[in-house]
Amino acid sequence: MENIILRPYQQQFIDDVRNEFIQNHKRIVGVAPCGAGKTIMTGWMIREVARRGKTAIFFVHRHELIKQTSETFDRLGIEHGIISAGFKDQLDLPVQIASVQTLSRRLKKVASPDFLICDECHHILANTYKKILNAYPDAYLLGVTATPQRMGGITLCDIFSAMVKGPTVDDLIKLGNLTDFHYFASATKLDLKKVRIKFGEYNNSDLAKVMSDNRIIGGIVDNYKKIASGKSAICYCVNVKHSMKVASSFKEAGIVAEHVDGETPSKVRERIVEDFRLGKIKVLCNAELFSEGFDVPNMQAVILARPTKSLTLFIQQAMRPMRPDPTDPNKVAIIIDHVQNYLRHGLPNENHDWTLNPNKPKIHLPAPTKECPECGLVVPFGMYTCPECGYKFVTEEDEEERLTEHEGVFMQIKKKVAPPPKKPKPRVIHAPTTPEEFMEIAKAKNYQVGWVAFRSLEHAKSYEDCLHIAEVCGYQKGWAYYKWEDLKKKFPSRNYSRNSSRRRI
């Protein structure tokens, strides 16, 4: 067992989670960027749970993450079993690492734990995860993620009642937990007008047609040679066919590259990944296979060859090379964005106002800007005339000509470090539960009163709670009576009482 010493922010994170459990929040989401040491922090908590004679299950959704988590638990001296295909069950041990898929199929065999930890919990709204949560309703739950929302800004308020926030990306760069980065993006305007949107994301087959253009793939190889020549890089592609084509182009250019996907035999995939870790393979092409929890400290660059509307996917992919390398203390990560994802999501160090409010959060991304050479005014990047002095930047016709002339040219995007906030942001926030809190949200978002009543009733546990909701929403007492009777019929297993649980319903 290694003598691992927690950093101050890690100890603070653990203390905040413990305090929320003490405050009777049984389901908590912990938010911290890639590189904050989420597995170390959760492992630390699991070790304390096991020392007290309690049981815990840490569940992940990818095979690669099981091995990494197991190695971390070994470092912490945590004796554990693994619930996954290919591993012998050791269900007598108090701590288990499980794959989501295997655990969901063996719920009858696995006893209910005292503590559940969900890795990459932005997936937790999926049915497989809900099946696990429903099987263990009495377990304390901690979910950890860098991005606590689903596609389209859907928050996780239906699962978690409290959120604990860790450090920011800029904090981790200052502390040396993440490396600094240089961000390069294409000046070529990528035409995605014919790409359909399905469930909030670009359609893969449409994207593949656009991104498989030989000129674009050739640009991927050429710009790697110009910007990151000889560096270990992961290239994120649209699909398997696209990934294989990109890998083939790298090989034709004399660069050692390989492609892997979910269908690659496990032994072959493990060999390729190990060769990449050792530096024998320079470019590893894949289609979303290594987006989450893939730690290779000597990885130096990432190539984004897949446009995405998912903030979660973008952050997971763009930050992959930002792990510090003990053998290279001056490492600076290279991010090569061929698809202008930064225009959709900001840069990797962007600060986000994560929330548990039951609505799409407002994420204020900084618009690209430029400085007027005449008067120095900073204006939006797309503005053609300076509103202060009238300087003409460029006409629309000139802009089209410029984009054509600069096809394949890359530019470095300057990183902005956010100034310290005037008031410290709260480390812990709670999901709204009272009708007053829902009414505030409704007024800000121009929602109907019926929405307030609907969301408030999800937390009602007494007739007086229903009366209070009716009062806030301007409804009659008769409404409260019928809703109270309806709740008892629909959810008979709830712990109802005649007494009010008002304020925190």
Protein backbone atom coordinates (compact mmCIF):
# COMPACT_ATOMS: atom_id res chain seq x y z
CA MET A 1 0.00 0.00 0.00
CA GLU A 2 1.35 3.40 -1.01
CA ASN A 3 1.46 6.28 1.45
CA ILE A 4 -0.83 8.57 -0.56
CA ILE A 5 -1.34 12.05 0.90
CA LEU A 6 -4.47 13.88 -0.16
CA ARG A 7 -4.20 17.37 -1.56
CA PRO A 8 -6.12 20.06 0.37
CA TYR A 9 -8.86 20.30 -2.29
CA GLN A 10 -9.28 16.50 -2.22
CA GLN A 11 -9.70 16.48 1.56
CA GLN A 12 -12.18 19.37 1.26
CA PHE A 13 -14.14 17.45 -1.37
CA ILE A 14 -14.34 14.36 0.87
CA ASP A 15 -15.37 16.46 3.88
CA ASP A 16 -18.11 18.19 1.86
CA VAL A 17 -19.50 14.85 0.63
CA ARG A 18 -19.46 13.43 4.18
CA ASN A 19 -21.26 16.52 5.50
CA GLU A 20 -24.00 16.21 2.87
CA PHE A 21 -24.55 12.56 3.81
CA ILE A 22 -24.83 13.64 7.45
CA GLN A 23 -27.42 16.23 6.36
CA ASN A 24 -29.51 13.30 5.05
CA HIS A 25 -28.78 13.81 1.34
CA LYS A 26 -28.49 10.14 0.38
CA ARG A 27 -27.71 10.76 -3.29
CA ILE A 28 -24.90 13.20 -4.06
CA VAL A 29 -23.13 14.11 -7.29
CA GLY A 30 -19.49 15.17 -6.98
CA VAL A 31 -18.16 17.38 -9.77
CA ALA A 32 -14.45 17.68 -10.52
CA PRO A 33 -12.49 18.04 -13.79
CA CYS A 34 -10.43 15.33 -15.42
CA GLY A 35 -7.19 15.08 -13.45
CA ALA A 36 -8.63 16.00 -10.05
CA GLY A 37 -8.10 12.45 -8.79
CA LYS A 38 -11.73 11.38 -8.53
CA THR A 39 -10.78 7.68 -8.27
CA ILE A 40 -8.32 8.45 -5.46
CA MET A 41 -10.95 10.48 -3.57
CA THR A 42 -13.71 7.90 -3.98
CA GLY A 43 -11.27 5.09 -3.16
CA TRP A 44 -10.29 6.94 0.01
CA MET A 45 -13.97 7.10 1.04
CA ILE A 46 -14.51 3.42 0.20
CA ARG A 47 -11.51 2.44 2.33
CA GLU A 48 -13.01 4.26 5.31
CA VAL A 49 -16.37 2.57 4.70
CA ALA A 50 -14.72 -0.87 4.60
CA ARG A 51 -12.78 -0.16 7.80
CA ARG A 52 -16.10 0.42 9.56
CA GLY A 53 -17.39 -2.97 8.48
CA LYS A 54 -19.63 -1.64 5.71
CA THR A 55 -19.84 -2.71 2.05
CA ALA A 56 -19.37 -0.75 -1.16
CA ILE A 57 -19.71 -1.19 -4.92
CA PHE A 58 -17.85 1.06 -7.37
CA PHE A 59 -19.38 0.63 -10.83
CA VAL A 60 -18.02 1.73 -14.20
CA HIS A 61 -19.24 1.38 -17.78
CA ARG A 62 -16.06 0.48 -19.69
CA HIS A 63 -13.81 -2.57 -19.40
CA GLU A 64 -10.62 -0.44 -19.47
CA LEU A 65 -11.79 1.49 -16.39
CA ILE A 66 -12.09 -1.69 -14.30
CA LYS A 67 -8.36 -2.39 -14.58
CA GLN A 68 -7.40 1.24 -13.84
CA THR A 69 -9.73 1.42 -10.82
CA SER A 70 -8.45 -1.92 -9.51
CA GLU A 71 -4.85 -0.67 -9.73
CA THR A 72 -5.79 2.49 -7.80
CA PHE A 73 -7.56 0.45 -5.11
CA ASP A 74 -4.46 -1.76 -4.82
CA ARG A 75 -2.36 1.37 -4.25
CA LEU A 76 -4.77 2.36 -1.47
CA GLY A 77 -4.59 -1.12 0.08
CA ILE A 78 -8.26 -1.90 -0.59
CA GLU A 79 -8.93 -5.63 -0.92
CA HIS A 80 -11.66 -5.97 -3.54
CA GLY A 81 -13.47 -8.28 -5.90
CA ILE A 82 -14.41 -7.61 -9.52
CA ILE A 83 -17.86 -8.20 -10.95
CA SER A 84 -17.29 -8.41 -14.68
CA ALA A 85 -17.08 -10.94 -17.47
CA GLY A 86 -13.80 -12.85 -17.35
CA PHE A 87 -13.24 -12.40 -13.60
CA LYS A 88 -13.94 -14.93 -10.86
CA ASP A 89 -16.51 -13.69 -8.35
CA GLN A 90 -15.28 -12.86 -4.84
CA LEU A 91 -18.59 -11.65 -3.48
CA ASP A 92 -17.54 -12.31 0.11
CA LEU A 93 -15.24 -9.27 -0.02
CA PRO A 94 -16.79 -6.01 1.29
CA VAL A 95 -15.63 -3.92 -1.69
CA GLN A 96 -16.47 -4.67 -5.31
CA ILE A 97 -15.58 -3.02 -8.62
CA ALA A 98 -18.29 -3.79 -11.15
CA SER A 99 -19.08 -3.19 -14.77
CA VAL A 100 -22.54 -1.67 -15.16
CA GLN A 101 -23.62 -4.30 -17.68
CA THR A 102 -22.52 -7.31 -15.59
CA LEU A 103 -23.85 -5.93 -12.32
CA SER A 104 -27.26 -5.22 -13.85
CA ARG A 105 -27.48 -8.91 -14.84
CA ARG A 106 -26.36 -10.26 -11.45
CA LEU A 107 -28.40 -8.10 -9.09
CA LYS A 108 -30.03 -11.13 -7.45
CA LYS A 109 -26.62 -12.59 -6.62
CA VAL A 110 -25.03 -9.39 -5.28
CA ALA A 111 -26.15 -8.31 -1.81
CA SER A 112 -27.26 -4.71 -1.30
CA PRO A 113 -24.25 -2.52 -0.42
CA ASP A 114 -24.17 0.29 2.11
CA PHE A 115 -22.37 2.60 -0.35
CA LEU A 116 -22.68 2.89 -4.14
CA ILE A 117 -20.24 4.91 -6.24
CA CYS A 118 -21.07 5.61 -9.86
CA ASP A 119 -18.13 6.60 -12.05
CA GLU A 120 -18.82 8.95 -14.99
CA CYS A 121 -22.31 9.45 -13.58
CA HIS A 122 -23.50 11.68 -16.42
CA HIS A 123 -24.68 8.32 -17.84
CA ILE A 124 -26.84 7.60 -14.80
CA LEU A 125 -30.16 8.46 -16.46
CA ALA A 126 -29.80 5.40 -18.71
CA ASN A 127 -32.09 2.45 -17.95
CA THR A 128 -29.25 0.06 -17.02
CA TYR A 129 -28.10 2.44 -14.29
CA LYS A 130 -31.64 3.01 -13.04
CA LYS A 131 -32.07 -0.75 -12.75
CA ILE A 132 -29.10 -0.85 -10.36
CA LEU A 133 -30.35 2.10 -8.31
CA ASN A 134 -33.82 0.57 -8.04
CA ALA A 135 -32.30 -2.72 -6.84
CA TYR A 136 -30.43 -0.95 -4.03
CA PRO A 137 -32.80 1.82 -2.86
CA ASP A 138 -31.35 2.05 0.67
CA ALA A 139 -27.70 2.47 -0.36
CA TYR A 140 -25.98 5.83 -0.07
CA LEU A 141 -25.06 6.97 -3.59
CA LEU A 142 -22.16 9.12 -4.76
CA GLY A 143 -21.83 9.86 -8.46
CA VAL A 144 -18.67 11.50 -9.81
CA THR A 145 -18.23 13.28 -13.13
CA ALA A 146 -16.58 16.27 -14.78
CA THR A 147 -19.83 17.23 -16.54
CA PRO A 148 -23.03 16.71 -14.50
CA GLN A 149 -25.52 16.98 -17.34
CA ARG A 150 -26.81 15.05 -20.32
CA MET A 151 -27.16 16.06 -23.96
CA GLY A 152 -29.06 19.30 -24.39
CA GLY A 153 -28.23 20.51 -20.88
CA ILE A 154 -30.49 17.98 -19.10
CA THR A 155 -29.50 18.08 -15.43
CA LEU A 156 -29.29 15.14 -13.03
CA CYS A 157 -31.85 16.49 -10.53
CA ASP A 158 -34.09 13.42 -10.90
CA ILE A 159 -31.34 11.29 -9.31
CA PHE A 160 -29.32 13.56 -7.01
CA SER A 161 -30.43 15.99 -4.32
CA ALA A 162 -27.07 17.65 -3.67
CA MET A 163 -23.99 18.62 -5.67
CA VAL A 164 -20.44 18.99 -4.31
CA LYS A 165 -18.08 21.00 -6.49
CA GLY A 166 -14.33 20.46 -6.62
CA PRO A 167 -11.59 22.64 -8.18
CA THR A 168 -11.67 24.22 -11.64
CA VAL A 169 -9.43 23.31 -14.58
CA ASP A 170 -7.38 26.49 -14.04
CA ASP A 171 -6.95 25.56 -10.36
CA LEU A 172 -5.57 22.15 -11.35
CA ILE A 173 -3.20 23.66 -13.93
CA LYS A 174 -1.81 26.03 -11.25
CA LEU A 175 -1.42 23.12 -8.81
CA GLY A 176 0.34 20.98 -11.44
CA ASN A 177 -2.37 18.31 -11.51
CA LEU A 178 -2.98 19.18 -15.16
CA THR A 179 -0.57 20.50 -17.75
CA ASP A 180 -1.12 23.74 -19.59
CA PHE A 181 -2.27 23.41 -23.20
CA HIS A 182 -1.92 24.97 -26.64
CA TYR A 183 -5.10 24.88 -28.69
CA PHE A 184 -4.95 24.87 -32.49
CA ALA A 185 -8.07 25.10 -34.62
CA SER A 186 -8.83 25.02 -38.30
CA ALA A 187 -9.45 28.31 -40.07
CA THR A 188 -11.47 26.38 -42.65
CA LYS A 189 -15.21 26.71 -42.34
CA LEU A 190 -16.61 23.19 -41.94
CA ASP A 191 -19.91 22.86 -43.80
CA LEU A 192 -22.34 20.82 -41.68
CA LYS A 193 -25.55 22.15 -43.20
CA LYS A 194 -26.46 18.75 -44.65
CA VAL A 195 -25.71 16.88 -41.42
CA ARG A 196 -28.91 15.93 -39.59
CA ILE A 197 -29.33 16.30 -35.83
CA LYS A 198 -30.64 13.24 -33.98
CA PHE A 199 -31.37 13.26 -30.24
CA GLY A 200 -29.38 16.48 -29.92
CA GLU A 201 -26.23 15.14 -31.63
CA TYR A 202 -24.92 15.10 -35.19
CA ASN A 203 -25.98 12.05 -37.18
CA ASN A 204 -22.96 9.74 -37.46
CA SER A 205 -23.57 8.53 -41.02
CA ASP A 206 -24.00 12.11 -42.27
CA LEU A 207 -20.88 13.21 -40.39
CA ALA A 208 -18.84 10.35 -41.83
CA LYS A 209 -19.64 11.49 -45.38
CA VAL A 210 -18.35 14.98 -44.60
CA MET A 211 -15.29 13.98 -42.59
CA SER A 212 -14.20 11.14 -44.91
CA ASP A 213 -13.33 13.60 -47.67
CA ASN A 214 -9.73 12.84 -48.71
CA ARG A 215 -8.77 16.51 -48.45
CA ILE A 216 -9.93 16.65 -44.83
CA ILE A 217 -8.17 13.42 -43.88
CA GLY A 218 -5.05 14.61 -45.67
CA GLY A 219 -5.23 17.80 -43.63
CA ILE A 220 -5.41 15.78 -40.41
CA VAL A 221 -2.14 14.04 -41.26
CA ASP A 222 -0.41 17.17 -42.58
CA ASN A 223 -1.30 19.29 -39.54
CA TYR A 224 -0.18 16.58 -37.15
CA LYS A 225 3.21 16.68 -38.90
CA LYS A 226 3.33 20.49 -38.69
CA ILE A 227 2.05 20.97 -35.13
CA ALA A 228 2.74 17.75 -33.20
CA SER A 229 5.26 15.78 -35.24
CA GLY A 230 6.58 12.77 -33.36
CA LYS A 231 4.27 13.27 -30.39
CA SER A 232 1.98 10.55 -29.02
CA ALA A 233 -1.56 11.45 -30.04
CA ILE A 234 -5.06 10.03 -29.90
CA CYS A 235 -7.28 10.83 -32.86
CA TYR A 236 -11.05 10.82 -32.21
CA CYS A 237 -12.96 9.92 -35.35
CA VAL A 238 -16.62 9.70 -36.38
CA ASN A 239 -17.05 5.94 -36.70
CA VAL A 240 -15.06 2.75 -37.24
CA LYS A 241 -14.75 3.14 -41.01
CA HIS A 242 -13.59 6.74 -40.67
CA SER A 243 -11.09 5.79 -37.95
CA MET A 244 -9.61 3.01 -40.10
CA LYS A 245 -9.29 5.38 -43.04
CA VAL A 246 -7.52 8.02 -40.95
CA ALA A 247 -5.14 5.41 -39.47
CA SER A 248 -4.35 4.15 -42.95
CA SER A 249 -3.52 7.69 -44.09
CA PHE A 250 -1.10 8.13 -41.20
CA LYS A 251 0.61 4.85 -42.09
CA GLU A 252 0.94 5.89 -45.74
CA ALA A 253 2.69 9.04 -44.51
CA GLY A 254 5.24 6.90 -42.63
CA ILE A 255 3.75 7.52 -39.19
CA VAL A 256 3.22 4.51 -36.90
CA ALA A 257 -0.52 4.45 -36.29
CA GLU A 258 -3.19 1.92 -35.34
CA HIS A 259 -6.97 1.75 -35.21
CA VAL A 260 -8.99 0.11 -32.41
CA ASP A 261 -12.72 -0.17 -31.80
CA GLY A 262 -15.18 -2.00 -29.59
CA GLU A 263 -15.00 -5.08 -31.82
CA THR A 264 -11.21 -5.36 -31.65
CA PRO A 265 -10.36 -8.58 -29.75
CA SER A 266 -9.53 -7.70 -26.15
CA LYS A 267 -5.99 -9.14 -26.28
CA VAL A 268 -5.22 -7.27 -29.50
CA ARG A 269 -6.65 -4.06 -28.07
CA GLU A 270 -4.64 -4.42 -24.87
CA ARG A 271 -1.45 -5.00 -26.88
CA ILE A 272 -2.08 -1.93 -29.05
CA VAL A 273 -2.85 0.25 -26.02
CA GLU A 274 0.31 -0.97 -24.26
CA ASP A 275 2.40 -0.23 -27.37
CA PHE A 276 0.88 3.26 -27.39
CA ARG A 277 1.76 3.74 -23.72
CA LEU A 278 5.34 2.67 -24.50
CA GLY A 279 5.56 5.11 -27.42
CA LYS A 280 5.87 2.42 -30.09
CA ILE A 281 2.64 3.69 -31.69
CA LYS A 282 2.49 7.44 -32.30
CA VAL A 283 -1.16 7.91 -33.31
CA LEU A 284 -4.04 5.83 -31.94
CA CYS A 285 -7.24 6.27 -33.95
CA ASN A 286 -10.63 5.34 -32.51
CA ALA A 287 -14.31 6.27 -32.45
CA GLU A 288 -15.13 7.41 -28.89
CA LEU A 289 -13.44 4.38 -27.34
CA PHE A 290 -10.98 6.32 -25.18
CA SER A 291 -13.06 9.35 -24.23
CA GLU A 292 -13.45 8.59 -20.53
CA GLY A 293 -10.97 7.59 -17.86
CA PHE A 294 -8.16 6.67 -20.27
CA ASP A 295 -4.97 7.73 -18.49
CA VAL A 296 -1.72 7.77 -20.43
CA PRO A 297 0.56 10.42 -18.85
CA ASN A 298 3.01 10.39 -21.77
CA MET A 299 0.24 11.17 -24.28
CA GLN A 300 1.15 14.58 -25.64
CA ALA A 301 -1.55 15.50 -28.13
CA VAL A 302 -5.13 14.92 -29.16
CA ILE A 303 -6.66 15.27 -32.63
CA LEU A 304 -10.38 16.14 -32.76
CA ALA A 305 -11.69 14.86 -36.09
CA ARG A 306 -15.30 14.49 -34.99
CA PRO A 307 -17.68 17.45 -34.52
CA THR A 308 -19.94 17.07 -31.50
CA LYS A 309 -22.74 18.96 -29.83
CA SER A 310 -22.02 17.17 -26.57
CA LEU A 311 -20.13 19.32 -24.08
CA THR A 312 -19.36 16.20 -22.05
CA LEU A 313 -17.79 14.39 -25.00
CA PHE A 314 -15.78 17.46 -26.01
CA ILE A 315 -14.30 17.97 -22.52
CA GLN A 316 -13.50 14.28 -22.10
CA GLN A 317 -11.72 14.12 -25.44
CA ALA A 318 -9.97 17.50 -25.47
CA MET A 319 -8.46 17.05 -21.98
CA ARG A 320 -7.05 13.55 -22.55
CA PRO A 321 -3.43 14.76 -23.11
CA MET A 322 -3.43 17.15 -20.12
CA ARG A 323 -2.25 14.55 -17.60
CA PRO A 324 1.17 15.47 -16.15
CA ASP A 325 4.08 13.29 -17.23
CA PRO A 326 6.65 12.65 -14.46
CA THR A 327 9.33 12.15 -17.13
CA ASP A 328 8.53 15.52 -18.78
CA PRO A 329 7.95 18.28 -16.17
CA ASN A 330 7.69 20.94 -18.92
CA LYS A 331 5.00 19.13 -20.87
CA VAL A 332 2.40 21.29 -22.63
CA ALA A 333 -0.53 19.45 -24.16
CA ILE A 334 -1.33 19.99 -27.85
CA ILE A 335 -5.01 20.02 -28.88
CA ILE A 336 -5.62 20.01 -32.63
CA ASP A 337 -9.25 20.85 -33.40
CA HIS A 338 -10.08 20.09 -37.04
CA VAL A 339 -13.82 20.58 -36.54
CA GLN A 340 -14.05 23.87 -34.58
CA ASN A 341 -15.56 22.26 -31.50
CA TYR A 342 -14.20 25.17 -29.45
CA LEU A 343 -16.74 27.47 -31.13
CA ARG A 344 -19.54 25.24 -29.78
CA HIS A 345 -18.20 24.67 -26.29
CA GLY A 346 -15.40 27.10 -25.43
CA LEU A 347 -11.92 25.92 -24.47
CA PRO A 348 -11.23 23.08 -22.00
CA ASN A 349 -10.64 25.52 -19.11
CA GLU A 350 -14.05 27.17 -19.53
CA ASN A 351 -15.89 27.65 -16.23
CA HIS A 352 -19.46 26.29 -16.14
CA ASP A 353 -22.31 27.03 -13.77
CA TRP A 354 -23.41 23.48 -13.08
CA THR A 355 -26.83 23.17 -11.48
CA LEU A 356 -29.39 20.67 -10.22
CA ASN A 357 -32.30 22.84 -11.29
CA PRO A 358 -34.85 20.84 -13.32
CA ASN A 359 -34.35 22.79 -16.51
CA LYS A 360 -31.73 23.39 -19.15
CA PRO A 361 -28.88 25.32 -17.52
CA LYS A 362 -27.66 28.52 -19.06
CA ILE A 363 -24.04 28.01 -19.98
CA HIS A 364 -22.49 31.32 -20.95
CA LEU A 365 -19.70 30.54 -23.37
CA PRO A 366 -17.32 33.33 -24.27
CA ALA A 367 -17.82 34.45 -27.86
CA PRO A 368 -14.61 34.67 -29.94
CA THR A 369 -13.35 38.25 -29.98
CA LYS A 370 -10.81 40.43 -31.75
CA GLU A 371 -9.24 43.82 -31.11
CA CYS A 372 -9.68 46.80 -33.41
CA PRO A 373 -6.18 47.84 -34.61
CA GLU A 374 -7.26 51.51 -34.74
CA CYS A 375 -8.88 52.18 -31.36
CA GLY A 376 -8.21 48.96 -29.40
CA LEU A 377 -11.89 48.15 -28.79
CA VAL A 378 -12.54 44.42 -28.29
CA VAL A 379 -15.45 43.35 -30.49
CA PRO A 380 -17.11 40.02 -31.48
CA PHE A 381 -15.00 38.04 -33.94
CA GLY A 382 -17.71 38.08 -36.60
CA MET A 383 -18.10 41.89 -36.63
CA TYR A 384 -16.99 43.61 -39.84
CA THR A 385 -17.08 47.25 -38.70
CA CYS A 386 -15.79 48.69 -35.42
CA PRO A 387 -18.71 50.48 -33.69
CA GLU A 388 -16.30 52.89 -31.97
CA CYS A 389 -14.14 54.22 -34.82
CA GLY A 390 -15.71 52.71 -37.95
CA TYR A 391 -12.67 50.64 -38.93
CA LYS A 392 -13.52 48.07 -41.62
CA PHE A 393 -12.23 44.63 -40.66
CA VAL A 394 -13.37 42.69 -43.70
CA THR A 395 -16.43 42.42 -45.93
CA GLU A 396 -18.54 39.27 -46.20
CA GLU A 397 -17.17 38.68 -49.70
CA ASP A 398 -13.61 39.08 -48.45
CA GLU A 399 -14.36 36.67 -45.61
CA GLU A 400 -15.47 33.95 -48.02
CA GLU A 401 -12.36 34.55 -50.11
CA ARG A 402 -10.18 34.43 -46.97
CA LEU A 403 -11.68 31.11 -45.89
CA THR A 404 -11.02 29.68 -49.35
CA GLU A 405 -7.44 30.96 -49.44
CA HIS A 406 -6.71 29.62 -45.94
CA GLU A 407 -8.17 26.17 -46.47
CA GLY A 408 -6.17 23.76 -44.33
CA VAL A 409 -4.48 26.56 -42.36
CA PHE A 410 -4.48 26.26 -38.56
CA MET A 411 -4.43 29.06 -36.01
CA GLN A 412 -3.62 28.96 -32.32
CA ILE A 413 -6.54 29.91 -30.09
CA LYS A 414 -5.44 31.98 -27.10
CA LYS A 415 -6.39 30.56 -23.74
CA LYS A 416 -8.18 32.88 -21.32
CA VAL A 417 -7.85 32.44 -17.58
CA ALA A 418 -10.96 33.59 -15.74
CA PRO A 419 -10.33 36.29 -13.09
CA PRO A 420 -10.94 35.29 -9.47
CA PRO A 421 -14.65 35.70 -8.58
CA LYS A 422 -15.52 38.68 -6.36
CA LYS A 423 -17.50 36.32 -4.13
CA PRO A 424 -16.44 32.69 -3.64
CA LYS A 425 -18.87 30.38 -5.40
CA PRO A 426 -20.57 27.83 -3.12
CA ARG A 427 -18.90 24.42 -3.07
CA VAL A 428 -22.21 22.71 -2.38
CA ILE A 429 -25.60 23.28 -3.99
CA HIS A 430 -28.91 21.50 -3.49
CA ALA A 431 -31.64 20.52 -5.89
CA PRO A 432 -34.84 22.55 -5.39
CA THR A 433 -37.58 20.76 -3.44
CA THR A 434 -39.97 23.42 -2.16
CA PRO A 435 -42.74 25.11 -4.20
CA GLU A 436 -41.13 28.48 -3.43
CA GLU A 437 -37.86 27.37 -5.05
CA PHE A 438 -39.66 25.97 -8.09
CA MET A 439 -41.70 29.18 -8.37
CA GLU A 440 -38.49 31.24 -8.54
CA ILE A 441 -37.25 29.06 -11.40
CA ALA A 442 -40.62 29.30 -13.16
CA LYS A 443 -40.62 33.10 -12.99
CA ALA A 444 -37.06 33.30 -14.32
CA LYS A 445 -37.81 30.86 -17.18
CA ASN A 446 -41.38 31.99 -17.86
CA TYR A 447 -42.79 28.54 -17.03
CA GLN A 448 -46.46 27.90 -16.22
CA VAL A 449 -47.70 27.49 -12.62
CA GLY A 450 -48.66 23.90 -13.49
CA TRP A 451 -44.95 23.09 -13.85
CA VAL A 452 -44.35 24.35 -10.29
CA ALA A 453 -47.13 22.12 -8.96
CA PHE A 454 -45.92 19.08 -10.93
CA ARG A 455 -42.30 19.35 -9.74
CA SER A 456 -43.32 20.14 -6.13
CA LEU A 457 -45.62 17.12 -5.92
CA GLU A 458 -42.63 14.87 -6.69
CA HIS A 459 -41.34 15.80 -3.20
CA ALA A 460 -44.63 15.89 -1.29
CA LYS A 461 -44.92 13.43 1.62
CA SER A 462 -47.97 14.69 3.49
CA TYR A 463 -51.40 16.20 2.99
CA GLU A 464 -50.12 19.46 4.49
CA ASP A 465 -47.35 19.50 1.86
CA CYS A 466 -50.08 19.36 -0.81
CA LEU A 467 -51.95 22.19 0.93
CA HIS A 468 -48.79 24.27 0.94
CA ILE A 469 -48.22 23.64 -2.78
CA ALA A 470 -51.81 24.70 -3.48
CA GLU A 471 -51.27 27.89 -1.47
CA VAL A 472 -48.09 28.84 -3.37
CA CYS A 473 -49.65 28.03 -6.77
CA GLY A 474 -52.95 29.79 -6.01
CA TYR A 475 -55.04 26.61 -6.12
CA GLN A 476 -58.07 25.68 -4.00
CA LYS A 477 -57.89 23.31 -1.02
CA GLY A 478 -59.91 20.77 -2.97
CA TRP A 479 -57.02 20.45 -5.43
CA ALA A 480 -54.70 19.54 -2.54
CA TYR A 481 -57.09 16.86 -1.29
CA TYR A 482 -57.43 15.15 -4.70
CA LYS A 483 -53.66 15.34 -5.33
CA TRP A 484 -53.01 13.85 -1.89
CA GLU A 485 -55.32 10.92 -2.58
CA ASP A 486 -53.83 10.51 -6.07
CA LEU A 487 -50.27 10.39 -4.67
CA LYS A 488 -51.14 7.61 -2.23
CA LYS A 489 -52.61 5.54 -5.08
CA LYS A 490 -49.77 6.13 -7.56
CA PHE A 491 -46.88 5.75 -5.09
CA PRO A 492 -48.09 3.54 -2.23
CA SER A 493 -44.50 2.72 -1.16
CA ARG A 494 -43.70 6.33 -0.21
CA ASN A 495 -43.32 7.09 3.48
CA TYR A 496 -46.36 9.37 3.83
CA SER A 497 -47.62 11.11 6.93
CA ARG A 498 -50.34 13.58 7.84
CA ASN A 499 -47.74 15.93 9.30
CA SER A 500 -46.02 18.51 7.17
CA SER A 501 -42.45 18.18 5.99
CA ARG A 502 -42.58 21.75 4.74
CA ARG A 503 -39.53 23.87 3.90
CA ARG A 504 -37.45 20.99 2.55
CA ILE A 505 -40.27 18.87 1.13
